[in-house]
Amino acid sequence: MRGLDKVNGQTVDVELPKGGRGAVFGLDVALADCRYPADNPTGDAYAYLTIREEAKTEIWFDGWMIASAPALSALDHSRYDVWVLRCITS
C-alpha cells in the first residue's frame, strides 16, 4: 500500500502480511485480508483495512479498499491518505 502526507507531500510504500499491521506516518494500519482475481494475480487488489491514529481508539477507516478505484472507498483523514497498490502472492 502507499501512504501520503498531504502537508509535506511525502509518500511511503508499506508491505503488510495478511493479518498484519504497521505504521504509515501517524496511522496504525491493520490488513485483515487481501484478495485478487485468481486468473490474474497481478491484477486488481481488494484489501480489507482497519485504520486508526496511533495510540488512539477512534477508527478512521474500516472496510474494503480497491486498488483500481481508491476513491470508491477511501480514508477520510485531514492529513493522511492511504491506498492499496497490490496483493503480494508469495
PDB file of N, CA and C in Angstrom:
ATOM      1  N   MET A   1       0.839  -1.168   0.000  1.00  0.00           N
ATOM      2  CA  MET A   1       0.000   0.000   0.000  1.00  0.00           C
ATOM      3  C   MET A   1       0.885   1.232   0.000  1.00  0.00           C
ATOM      4  N   ARG A   2       0.304   2.361  -0.255  1.00  0.00           N
ATOM      5  CA  ARG A   2       1.049   3.617  -0.297  1.00  0.00           C
ATOM      6  C   ARG A   2       0.356   4.621   0.628  1.00  0.00           C
ATOM      7  N   GLY A   3       1.169   5.387   1.337  1.00  0.00           N
ATOM      8  CA  GLY A   3       0.667   6.444   2.198  1.00  0.00           C
ATOM      9  C   GLY A   3       1.158   7.795   1.714  1.00  0.00           C
ATOM     10  N   LEU A   4       0.352   8.807   1.936  1.00  0.00           N
ATOM     11  CA  LEU A   4       0.688  10.174   1.546  1.00  0.00           C
ATOM     12  C   LEU A   4       0.460  11.107   2.731  1.00  0.00           C
ATOM     13  N   ASP A   5       1.460  11.929   3.038  1.00  0.00           N
ATOM     14  CA  ASP A   5       1.300  13.015   3.998  1.00  0.00           C
ATOM     15  C   ASP A   5       0.934  14.245   3.175  1.00  0.00           C
ATOM     16  N   LYS A   6      -0.309  14.685   3.276  1.00  0.00           N
ATOM     17  CA  LYS A   6      -0.814  15.778   2.444  1.00  0.00           C
ATOM     18  C   LYS A   6      -0.162  17.120   2.775  1.00  0.00           C
ATOM     19  N   VAL A   7       0.406  17.270   3.966  1.00  0.00           N
ATOM     20  CA  VAL A   7       1.008  18.538   4.369  1.00  0.00           C
ATOM     21  C   VAL A   7       2.334  18.778   3.650  1.00  0.00           C
ATOM     22  N   ASN A   8       3.195  17.749   3.617  1.00  0.00           N
ATOM     23  CA  ASN A   8       4.518  17.950   3.001  1.00  0.00           C
ATOM     24  C   ASN A   8       4.710  17.178   1.695  1.00  0.00           C
ATOM     25  N   GLY A   9       3.708  16.436   1.267  1.00  0.00           N
ATOM     26  CA  GLY A   9       3.782  15.717   0.000  1.00  0.00           C
ATOM     27  C   GLY A   9       4.621  14.460   0.023  1.00  0.00           C
ATOM     28  N   GLN A  10       5.061  14.028   1.192  1.00  0.00           N
ATOM     29  CA  GLN A  10       5.891  12.832   1.317  1.00  0.00           C
ATOM     30  C   GLN A  10       5.042  11.575   1.137  1.00  0.00           C
ATOM     31  N   THR A  11       5.580  10.595   0.389  1.00  0.00           N
ATOM     32  CA  THR A  11       4.908   9.309   0.233  1.00  0.00           C
ATOM     33  C   THR A  11       5.783   8.200   0.791  1.00  0.00           C
ATOM     34  N   VAL A  12       5.140   7.101   1.148  1.00  0.00           N
ATOM     35  CA  VAL A  12       5.849   5.930   1.650  1.00  0.00           C
ATOM     36  C   VAL A  12       5.077   4.693   1.186  1.00  0.00           C
ATOM     37  N   ASP A  13       5.815   3.665   0.750  1.00  0.00           N
ATOM     38  CA  ASP A  13       5.219   2.385   0.404  1.00  0.00           C
ATOM     39  C   ASP A  13       5.463   1.410   1.543  1.00  0.00           C
ATOM     40  N   VAL A  14       4.421   0.655   1.910  1.00  0.00           N
ATOM     41  CA  VAL A  14       4.493  -0.275   3.033  1.00  0.00           C
ATOM     42  C   VAL A  14       3.931  -1.619   2.590  1.00  0.00           C
ATOM     43  N   GLU A  15       4.634  -2.693   2.916  1.00  0.00           N
ATOM     44  CA  GLU A  15       4.146  -4.044   2.674  1.00  0.00           C
ATOM     45  C   GLU A  15       3.692  -4.638   3.998  1.00  0.00           C
ATOM     46  N   LEU A  16       2.467  -5.156   4.009  1.00  0.00           N
ATOM     47  CA  LEU A  16       1.925  -5.792   5.204  1.00  0.00           C
ATOM     48  C   LEU A  16       1.500  -7.210   4.863  1.00  0.00           C
ATOM     49  N   PRO A  17       1.793  -8.172   5.730  1.00  0.00           N
ATOM     50  CA  PRO A  17       1.281  -9.525   5.504  1.00  0.00           C
ATOM     51  C   PRO A  17      -0.198  -9.582   5.888  1.00  0.00           C
ATOM     52  N   LYS A  18      -0.908 -10.528   5.300  1.00  0.00           N
ATOM     53  CA  LYS A  18      -2.310 -10.716   5.661  1.00  0.00           C
ATOM     54  C   LYS A  18      -2.392 -11.001   7.155  1.00  0.00           C
ATOM     55  N   GLY A  19      -3.229 -10.278   7.851  1.00  0.00           N
ATOM     56  CA  GLY A  19      -3.348 -10.412   9.299  1.00  0.00           C
ATOM     57  C   GLY A  19      -2.369  -9.542  10.069  1.00  0.00           C
ATOM     58  N   GLY A  20      -1.534  -8.790   9.357  1.00  0.00           N
ATOM     59  CA  GLY A  20      -0.524  -7.948   9.997  1.00  0.00           C
ATOM     60  C   GLY A  20      -0.957  -6.510  10.151  1.00  0.00           C
ATOM     61  N   ARG A  21      -0.093  -5.751  10.792  1.00  0.00           N
ATOM     62  CA  ARG A  21      -0.345  -4.320  10.975  1.00  0.00           C
ATOM     63  C   ARG A  21       0.965  -3.576  10.906  1.00  0.00           C
ATOM     64  N   GLY A  22       0.867  -2.289  10.620  1.00  0.00           N
ATOM     65  CA  GLY A  22       2.069  -1.479  10.523  1.00  0.00           C
ATOM     66  C   GLY A  22       1.735  -0.007  10.592  1.00  0.00           C
ATOM     67  N   ALA A  23       2.761   0.804  10.688  1.00  0.00           N
ATOM     68  CA  ALA A  23       2.601   2.252  10.777  1.00  0.00           C
ATOM     69  C   ALA A  23       2.790   2.875   9.395  1.00  0.00           C
ATOM     70  N   VAL A  24       1.897   3.769   9.058  1.00  0.00           N
ATOM     71  CA  VAL A  24       2.003   4.586   7.851  1.00  0.00           C
ATOM     72  C   VAL A  24       1.884   6.021   8.334  1.00  0.00           C
ATOM     73  N   PHE A  25       3.030   6.679   8.445  1.00  0.00           N
ATOM     74  CA  PHE A  25       3.101   8.007   9.069  1.00  0.00           C
ATOM     75  C   PHE A  25       2.491   7.915  10.458  1.00  0.00           C
ATOM     76  N   GLY A  26       1.482   8.673  10.788  1.00  0.00           N
ATOM     77  CA  GLY A  26       0.881   8.662  12.120  1.00  0.00           C
ATOM     78  C   GLY A  26      -0.310   7.750  12.251  1.00  0.00           C
ATOM     79  N   LEU A  27      -0.474   6.826  11.305  1.00  0.00           N
ATOM     80  CA  LEU A  27      -1.619   5.923  11.308  1.00  0.00           C
ATOM     81  C   LEU A  27      -1.195   4.492  11.585  1.00  0.00           C
ATOM     82  N   ASP A  28      -2.056   3.759  12.280  1.00  0.00           N
ATOM     83  CA  ASP A  28      -1.882   2.335  12.508  1.00  0.00           C
ATOM     84  C   ASP A  28      -2.797   1.617  11.519  1.00  0.00           C
ATOM     85  N   VAL A  29      -2.224   0.838  10.606  1.00  0.00           N
ATOM     86  CA  VAL A  29      -2.992   0.168   9.558  1.00  0.00           C
ATOM     87  C   VAL A  29      -2.947  -1.331   9.792  1.00  0.00           C
ATOM     88  N   ALA A  30      -4.122  -1.962   9.845  1.00  0.00           N
ATOM     89  CA  ALA A  30      -4.226  -3.409  10.008  1.00  0.00           C
ATOM     90  C   ALA A  30      -4.834  -3.994   8.738  1.00  0.00           C
ATOM     91  N   LEU A  31      -4.167  -4.988   8.163  1.00  0.00           N
ATOM     92  CA  LEU A  31      -4.632  -5.657   6.953  1.00  0.00           C
ATOM     93  C   LEU A  31      -5.243  -7.001   7.333  1.00  0.00           C
ATOM     94  N   ALA A  32      -6.557  -7.095   7.261  1.00  0.00           N
ATOM     95  CA  ALA A  32      -7.232  -8.339   7.619  1.00  0.00           C
ATOM     96  C   ALA A  32      -7.201  -9.342   6.472  1.00  0.00           C
ATOM     97  N   ASP A  33      -7.348  -8.855   5.232  1.00  0.00           N
ATOM     98  CA  ASP A  33      -7.389  -9.753   4.084  1.00  0.00           C
ATOM     99  C   ASP A  33      -6.991  -8.989   2.831  1.00  0.00           C
ATOM    100  N   CYS A  34      -6.429  -9.682   1.861  1.00  0.00           N
ATOM    101  CA  CYS A  34      -6.098  -9.096   0.565  1.00  0.00           C
ATOM    102  C   CYS A  34      -6.427 -10.128  -0.493  1.00  0.00           C
ATOM    103  N   ARG A  35      -7.291  -9.769  -1.436  1.00  0.00           N
ATOM    104  CA  ARG A  35      -7.738 -10.698  -2.467  1.00  0.00           C
ATOM    105  C   ARG A  35      -7.475 -10.121  -3.845  1.00  0.00           C
ATOM    106  N   TYR A  36      -7.398 -10.995  -4.816  1.00  0.00           N
ATOM    107  CA  TYR A  36      -7.154 -10.597  -6.197  1.00  0.00           C
ATOM    108  C   TYR A  36      -7.791 -11.651  -7.100  1.00  0.00           C
ATOM    109  N   PRO A  37      -8.045 -11.317  -8.370  1.00  0.00           N
ATOM    110  CA  PRO A  37      -8.622 -12.311  -9.284  1.00  0.00           C
ATOM    111  C   PRO A  37      -7.684 -13.507  -9.456  1.00  0.00           C
ATOM    112  N   ALA A  38      -8.202 -14.712  -9.335  1.00  0.00           N
ATOM    113  CA  ALA A  38      -7.389 -15.922  -9.425  1.00  0.00           C
ATOM    114  C   ALA A  38      -6.698 -16.065 -10.776  1.00  0.00           C
ATOM    115  N   ASP A  39      -7.343 -15.608 -11.831  1.00  0.00           N
ATOM    116  CA  ASP A  39      -6.749 -15.737 -13.159  1.00  0.00           C
ATOM    117  C   ASP A  39      -5.752 -14.625 -13.469  1.00  0.00           C
ATOM    118  N   ASN A  40      -5.643 -13.636 -12.576  1.00  0.00           N
ATOM    119  CA  ASN A  40      -4.724 -12.514 -12.809  1.00  0.00           C
ATOM    120  C   ASN A  40      -4.189 -12.007 -11.472  1.00  0.00           C
ATOM    121  N   PRO A  41      -3.223 -12.716 -10.852  1.00  0.00           N
ATOM    122  CA  PRO A  41      -2.734 -12.314  -9.528  1.00  0.00           C
ATOM    123  C   PRO A  41      -2.068 -10.951  -9.490  1.00  0.00           C
ATOM    124  N   THR A  42      -1.606 -10.446 -10.617  1.00  0.00           N
ATOM    125  CA  THR A  42      -1.012  -9.107 -10.630  1.00  0.00           C
ATOM    126  C   THR A  42      -2.069  -8.046 -10.935  1.00  0.00           C
ATOM    127  N   GLY A  43      -3.312  -8.478 -11.074  1.00  0.00           N
ATOM    128  CA  GLY A  43      -4.401  -7.554 -11.390  1.00  0.00           C
ATOM    129  C   GLY A  43      -4.921  -6.830 -10.173  1.00  0.00           C
ATOM    130  N   ASP A  44      -6.165  -6.488 -10.229  1.00  0.00           N
ATOM    131  CA  ASP A  44      -6.795  -5.663  -9.211  1.00  0.00           C
ATOM    132  C   ASP A  44      -6.754  -6.294  -7.822  1.00  0.00           C
ATOM    133  N   ALA A  45      -6.423  -5.494  -6.815  1.00  0.00           N
ATOM    134  CA  ALA A  45      -6.362  -5.962  -5.432  1.00  0.00           C
ATOM    135  C   ALA A  45      -7.529  -5.386  -4.635  1.00  0.00           C
ATOM    136  N   TYR A  46      -8.050  -6.204  -3.732  1.00  0.00           N
ATOM    137  CA  TYR A  46      -9.104  -5.806  -2.811  1.00  0.00           C
ATOM    138  C   TYR A  46      -8.574  -6.085  -1.409  1.00  0.00           C
ATOM    139  N   ALA A  47      -8.439  -5.057  -0.597  1.00  0.00           N
ATOM    140  CA  ALA A  47      -7.869  -5.236   0.741  1.00  0.00           C
ATOM    141  C   ALA A  47      -8.835  -4.745   1.808  1.00  0.00           C
ATOM    142  N   TYR A  48      -9.003  -5.561   2.854  1.00  0.00           N
ATOM    143  CA  TYR A  48      -9.829  -5.153   3.994  1.00  0.00           C
ATOM    144  C   TYR A  48      -8.910  -4.533   5.037  1.00  0.00           C
ATOM    145  N   LEU A  49      -9.075  -3.240   5.269  1.00  0.00           N
ATOM    146  CA  LEU A  49      -8.206  -2.483   6.162  1.00  0.00           C
ATOM    147  C   LEU A  49      -8.975  -1.884   7.329  1.00  0.00           C
ATOM    148  N   THR A  50      -8.294  -1.796   8.460  1.00  0.00           N
ATOM    149  CA  THR A  50      -8.771  -1.014   9.599  1.00  0.00           C
ATOM    150  C   THR A  50      -7.669  -0.009   9.900  1.00  0.00           C
ATOM    151  N   ILE A  51      -8.029   1.281   9.874  1.00  0.00           N
ATOM    152  CA  ILE A  51      -7.037   2.345  10.040  1.00  0.00           C
ATOM    153  C   ILE A  51      -7.463   3.252  11.186  1.00  0.00           C
ATOM    154  N   ARG A  52      -6.522   3.499  12.091  1.00  0.00           N
ATOM    155  CA  ARG A  52      -6.763   4.442  13.205  1.00  0.00           C
ATOM    156  C   ARG A  52      -5.482   5.230  13.443  1.00  0.00           C
ATOM    157  N   GLU A  53      -5.603   6.339  14.140  1.00  0.00           N
ATOM    158  CA  GLU A  53      -4.403   7.089  14.505  1.00  0.00           C
ATOM    159  C   GLU A  53      -3.673   6.314  15.587  1.00  0.00           C
ATOM    160  N   GLU A  54      -2.347   6.351  15.551  1.00  0.00           N
ATOM    161  CA  GLU A  54      -1.556   5.626  16.540  1.00  0.00           C
ATOM    162  C   GLU A  54      -1.915   6.090  17.944  1.00  0.00           C
ATOM    163  N   ALA A  55      -1.997   5.148  18.865  1.00  0.00           N
ATOM    164  CA  ALA A  55      -2.275   5.389  20.289  1.00  0.00           C
ATOM    165  C   ALA A  55      -3.661   5.964  20.541  1.00  0.00           C
ATOM    166  N   LYS A  56      -4.587   5.824  19.587  1.00  0.00           N
ATOM    167  CA  LYS A  56      -5.969   6.273  19.788  1.00  0.00           C
ATOM    168  C   LYS A  56      -6.906   5.136  19.404  1.00  0.00           C
ATOM    169  N   THR A  57      -8.131   5.182  19.918  1.00  0.00           N
ATOM    170  CA  THR A  57      -9.085   4.112  19.648  1.00  0.00           C
ATOM    171  C   THR A  57     -10.046   4.438  18.510  1.00  0.00           C
ATOM    172  N   GLU A  58     -10.172   5.704  18.139  1.00  0.00           N
ATOM    173  CA  GLU A  58     -11.099   6.091  17.076  1.00  0.00           C
ATOM    174  C   GLU A  58     -10.669   5.489  15.738  1.00  0.00           C
ATOM    175  N   ILE A  59     -11.595   4.805  15.086  1.00  0.00           N
ATOM    176  CA  ILE A  59     -11.319   4.190  13.793  1.00  0.00           C
ATOM    177  C   ILE A  59     -11.659   5.185  12.691  1.00  0.00           C
ATOM    178  N   TRP A  60     -10.671   5.430  11.807  1.00  0.00           N
ATOM    179  CA  TRP A  60     -10.857   6.358  10.688  1.00  0.00           C
ATOM    180  C   TRP A  60     -11.364   5.641   9.451  1.00  0.00           C
ATOM    181  N   PHE A  61     -11.031   4.373   9.318  1.00  0.00           N
ATOM    182  CA  PHE A  61     -11.491   3.598   8.166  1.00  0.00           C
ATOM    183  C   PHE A  61     -11.584   2.139   8.558  1.00  0.00           C
ATOM    184  N   ASP A  62     -12.649   1.470   8.134  1.00  0.00           N
ATOM    185  CA  ASP A  62     -12.814   0.040   8.373  1.00  0.00           C
ATOM    186  C   ASP A  62     -13.635  -0.513   7.219  1.00  0.00           C
ATOM    187  N   GLY A  63     -12.955  -1.179   6.285  1.00  0.00           N
ATOM    188  CA  GLY A  63     -13.665  -1.730   5.138  1.00  0.00           C
ATOM    189  C   GLY A  63     -12.727  -2.125   4.018  1.00  0.00           C
ATOM    190  N   TRP A  64     -13.322  -2.417   2.866  1.00  0.00           N
ATOM    191  CA  TRP A  64     -12.570  -2.842   1.693  1.00  0.00           C
ATOM    192  C   TRP A  64     -12.101  -1.642   0.897  1.00  0.00           C
ATOM    193  N   MET A  65     -10.842  -1.673   0.460  1.00  0.00           N
ATOM    194  CA  MET A  65     -10.308  -0.704  -0.491  1.00  0.00           C
ATOM    195  C   MET A  65      -9.977  -1.465  -1.763  1.00  0.00           C
ATOM    196  N   ILE A  66     -10.196  -0.822  -2.897  1.00  0.00           N
ATOM    197  CA  ILE A  66      -9.952  -1.439  -4.193  1.00  0.00           C
ATOM    198  C   ILE A  66      -8.834  -0.674  -4.889  1.00  0.00           C
ATOM    199  N   ALA A  67      -7.810  -1.402  -5.326  1.00  0.00           N
ATOM    200  CA  ALA A  67      -6.633  -0.754  -5.910  1.00  0.00           C
ATOM    201  C   ALA A  67      -6.968   0.078  -7.140  1.00  0.00           C
ATOM    202  N   SER A  68      -7.854  -0.421  -8.000  1.00  0.00           N
ATOM    203  CA  SER A  68      -8.146   0.290  -9.243  1.00  0.00           C
ATOM    204  C   SER A  68      -9.113   1.454  -9.056  1.00  0.00           C
ATOM    205  N   ALA A  69      -9.764   1.537  -7.900  1.00  0.00           N
ATOM    206  CA  ALA A  69     -10.722   2.612  -7.641  1.00  0.00           C
ATOM    207  C   ALA A  69     -10.585   3.099  -6.199  1.00  0.00           C
ATOM    208  N   PRO A  70      -9.452   3.732  -5.853  1.00  0.00           N
ATOM    209  CA  PRO A  70      -9.230   4.123  -4.453  1.00  0.00           C
ATOM    210  C   PRO A  70     -10.247   5.131  -3.926  1.00  0.00           C
ATOM    211  N   ALA A  71     -10.849   5.928  -4.789  1.00  0.00           N
ATOM    212  CA  ALA A  71     -11.827   6.923  -4.333  1.00  0.00           C
ATOM    213  C   ALA A  71     -13.187   6.302  -4.028  1.00  0.00           C
ATOM    214  N   LEU A  72     -13.428   5.084  -4.494  1.00  0.00           N
ATOM    215  CA  LEU A  72     -14.707   4.421  -4.264  1.00  0.00           C
ATOM    216  C   LEU A  72     -14.950   4.163  -2.783  1.00  0.00           C
ATOM    217  N   SER A  73     -13.914   3.769  -2.082  1.00  0.00           N
ATOM    218  CA  SER A  73     -13.983   3.524  -0.643  1.00  0.00           C
ATOM    219  C   SER A  73     -12.665   4.027  -0.061  1.00  0.00           C
ATOM    220  N   ALA A  74     -12.656   5.282   0.368  1.00  0.00           N
ATOM    221  CA  ALA A  74     -11.399   5.946   0.725  1.00  0.00           C
ATOM    222  C   ALA A  74     -11.335   6.337   2.201  1.00  0.00           C
ATOM    223  N   LEU A  75     -10.115   6.462   2.667  1.00  0.00           N
ATOM    224  CA  LEU A  75      -9.845   7.005   4.001  1.00  0.00           C
ATOM    225  C   LEU A  75     -10.172   8.493   3.988  1.00  0.00           C
ATOM    226  N   ASP A  76     -10.941   8.949   4.966  1.00  0.00           N
ATOM    227  CA  ASP A  76     -11.292  10.364   5.066  1.00  0.00           C
ATOM    228  C   ASP A  76     -10.542  10.967   6.253  1.00  0.00           C
ATOM    229  N   HIS A  77      -9.313  11.390   6.007  1.00  0.00           N
ATOM    230  CA  HIS A  77      -8.460  11.958   7.046  1.00  0.00           C
ATOM    231  C   HIS A  77      -7.926  13.291   6.547  1.00  0.00           C
ATOM    232  N   SER A  78      -7.844  14.273   7.418  1.00  0.00           N
ATOM    233  CA  SER A  78      -7.435  15.618   7.002  1.00  0.00           C
ATOM    234  C   SER A  78      -5.965  15.702   6.585  1.00  0.00           C
ATOM    235  N   ARG A  79      -5.103  14.862   7.143  1.00  0.00           N
ATOM    236  CA  ARG A  79      -3.676  14.973   6.830  1.00  0.00           C
ATOM    237  C   ARG A  79      -3.128  13.825   5.985  1.00  0.00           C
ATOM    238  N   TYR A  80      -3.615  12.611   6.208  1.00  0.00           N
ATOM    239  CA  TYR A  80      -3.023  11.443   5.569  1.00  0.00           C
ATOM    240  C   TYR A  80      -3.978  10.789   4.582  1.00  0.00           C
ATOM    241  N   ASP A  81      -3.390  10.117   3.609  1.00  0.00           N
ATOM    242  CA  ASP A  81      -4.141   9.304   2.662  1.00  0.00           C
ATOM    243  C   ASP A  81      -3.425   7.967   2.552  1.00  0.00           C
ATOM    244  N   VAL A  82      -4.182   6.903   2.437  1.00  0.00           N
ATOM    245  CA  VAL A  82      -3.645   5.555   2.287  1.00  0.00           C
ATOM    246  C   VAL A  82      -4.447   4.865   1.199  1.00  0.00           C
ATOM    247  N   TRP A  83      -3.744   4.161   0.290  1.00  0.00           N
ATOM    248  CA  TRP A  83      -4.466   3.384  -0.705  1.00  0.00           C
ATOM    249  C   TRP A  83      -3.704   2.111  -1.024  1.00  0.00           C
ATOM    250  N   VAL A  84      -4.432   1.145  -1.569  1.00  0.00           N
ATOM    251  CA  VAL A  84      -3.903  -0.187  -1.883  1.00  0.00           C
ATOM    252  C   VAL A  84      -3.268  -0.158  -3.257  1.00  0.00           C
ATOM    253  N   LEU A  85      -2.109  -0.794  -3.390  1.00  0.00           N
ATOM    254  CA  LEU A  85      -1.450  -0.926  -4.688  1.00  0.00           C
ATOM    255  C   LEU A  85      -1.645  -2.322  -5.276  1.00  0.00           C
ATOM    256  N   ARG A  86      -1.414  -3.367  -4.461  1.00  0.00           N
ATOM    257  CA  ARG A  86      -1.493  -4.744  -4.954  1.00  0.00           C
ATOM    258  C   ARG A  86      -1.445  -5.707  -3.767  1.00  0.00           C
ATOM    259  N   CYS A  87      -1.739  -6.965  -4.046  1.00  0.00           N
ATOM    260  CA  CYS A  87      -1.543  -8.048  -3.085  1.00  0.00           C
ATOM    261  C   CYS A  87      -0.265  -8.768  -3.478  1.00  0.00           C
ATOM    262  N   ILE A  88       0.474  -9.204  -2.509  1.00  0.00           N
ATOM    263  CA  ILE A  88       1.687  -9.976  -2.751  1.00  0.00           C
ATOM    264  C   ILE A  88       1.315 -11.450  -2.680  1.00  0.00           C
ATOM    265  N   THR A  89       1.626 -12.188  -3.727  1.00  0.00           N
ATOM    266  CA  THR A  89       1.168 -13.576  -3.819  1.00  0.00           C
ATOM    267  C   THR A  89       2.135 -14.583  -3.232  1.00  0.00           C
ATOM    268  N   SER A  90       3.375 -14.211  -2.997  1.00  0.00           N
ATOM    269  CA  SER A  90       4.327 -15.203  -2.478  1.00  0.00           C
ATOM    270  C   SER A  90       4.490 -15.094  -0.990  1.00  0.00           C
TER     271      SER A  90
END
